[in-house]
Amino acid sequence: MPSTSEQQTERDEVANEGSDGDESDEDVVDTEREMIGGKTFGERMTEHVTLLRDFADGLEYQLQFNDHRMLDRLEREGGAC
């Protein structure tokens, strides 16, 4: 019967077979470069930020017109598409 240290050495060797100590490529997720719809996370998020800023600029522009119907509709429908 092998000693405890021999058993541990055998387990370590089996666990490390085919491994050079680094994570395999299958385990690594590169979130910055992951493409969804041909765009990275950063590109997609930047588009949303830009859209919201443009929308806010449009709302600020509307202040000068004092258009209550537009405000009522905005509040009633919100972000409905």
Protein backbone atom coordinates (compact mmCIF):
# COMPACT_ATOMS: atom_id res chain seq x y z
CA MET A 1 0.00 0.00 0.00
CA PRO A 2 1.47 3.42 -0.98
CA SER A 3 2.18 5.95 1.73
CA THR A 4 0.03 9.05 2.20
CA SER A 5 2.64 11.28 0.53
CA GLU A 6 2.86 8.89 -2.46
CA GLN A 7 -0.94 8.92 -2.78
CA GLN A 8 -0.98 12.74 -2.71
CA THR A 9 1.78 12.87 -5.35
CA GLU A 10 -0.23 10.53 -7.58
CA ARG A 11 -3.36 12.67 -7.16
CA ASP A 12 -1.39 15.82 -7.99
CA GLU A 13 0.06 14.23 -11.12
CA VAL A 14 -3.38 13.11 -12.32
CA ALA A 15 -4.84 16.57 -11.62
CA ASN A 16 -2.03 18.27 -13.56
CA GLU A 17 -2.04 15.97 -16.59
CA GLY A 18 -2.23 18.05 -19.77
CA SER A 19 -1.92 21.29 -17.82
CA ASP A 20 0.97 23.72 -17.81
CA GLY A 21 -0.41 25.59 -14.80
CA ASP A 22 -2.33 28.18 -16.84
CA GLU A 23 -6.06 28.28 -17.35
CA SER A 24 -7.23 26.71 -20.57
CA ASP A 25 -8.53 29.00 -23.31
CA GLU A 26 -12.00 27.52 -22.79
CA ASP A 27 -12.10 28.82 -19.20
CA VAL A 28 -11.12 32.41 -20.04
CA VAL A 29 -13.78 34.91 -21.07
CA ASP A 30 -12.53 38.14 -22.61
CA THR A 31 -15.49 40.42 -21.89
CA GLU A 32 -14.03 43.44 -23.69
CA ARG A 33 -13.67 41.61 -26.98
CA GLU A 34 -16.72 39.38 -26.79
CA MET A 35 -18.72 40.24 -29.88
CA ILE A 36 -22.51 40.30 -29.88
CA GLY A 37 -24.12 41.48 -33.06
CA GLY A 38 -20.69 42.48 -34.39
CA LYS A 39 -20.02 44.94 -31.53
CA THR A 40 -18.16 44.71 -28.24
CA PHE A 41 -19.75 45.37 -24.87
CA GLY A 42 -18.07 48.79 -24.77
CA GLU A 43 -19.37 49.79 -28.19
CA ARG A 44 -22.91 48.70 -27.37
CA MET A 45 -22.91 50.46 -23.98
CA THR A 46 -21.49 53.64 -25.53
CA GLU A 47 -24.36 53.67 -28.03
CA HIS A 48 -26.89 53.54 -25.18
CA VAL A 49 -25.14 56.33 -23.28
CA THR A 50 -25.06 58.49 -26.43
CA LEU A 51 -28.74 57.82 -27.12
CA LEU A 52 -29.74 58.81 -23.58
CA ARG A 53 -27.65 62.00 -23.71
CA ASP A 54 -29.20 62.97 -27.05
CA PHE A 55 -32.67 62.32 -25.61
CA ALA A 56 -31.90 64.44 -22.53
CA ASP A 57 -30.62 67.25 -24.79
CA GLY A 58 -33.90 67.09 -26.72
CA LEU A 59 -35.93 67.33 -23.52
CA GLU A 60 -33.88 70.31 -22.38
CA TYR A 61 -34.47 72.00 -25.74
CA GLN A 62 -38.24 71.57 -25.26
CA LEU A 63 -38.20 73.67 -22.08
CA GLN A 64 -38.31 76.90 -24.08
CA PHE A 65 -41.63 75.97 -25.70
CA ASN A 66 -43.48 75.27 -22.46
CA ASP A 67 -45.38 72.50 -24.30
CA HIS A 68 -47.56 70.83 -21.69
CA ARG A 69 -49.02 68.34 -24.17
CA MET A 70 -45.55 67.07 -24.98
CA LEU A 71 -44.71 66.73 -21.27
CA ASP A 72 -48.01 64.97 -20.55
CA ARG A 73 -47.38 62.51 -23.36
CA LEU A 74 -43.81 61.91 -22.17
CA GLU A 75 -45.01 61.18 -18.66
CA ARG A 76 -47.90 59.04 -19.85
CA GLU A 77 -46.02 56.92 -22.40
CA GLY A 78 -42.53 57.10 -20.95
CA GLY A 79 -40.12 54.86 -22.80
CA ALA A 80 -42.78 52.84 -24.61
CA CYS A 81 -41.68 51.79 -28.06
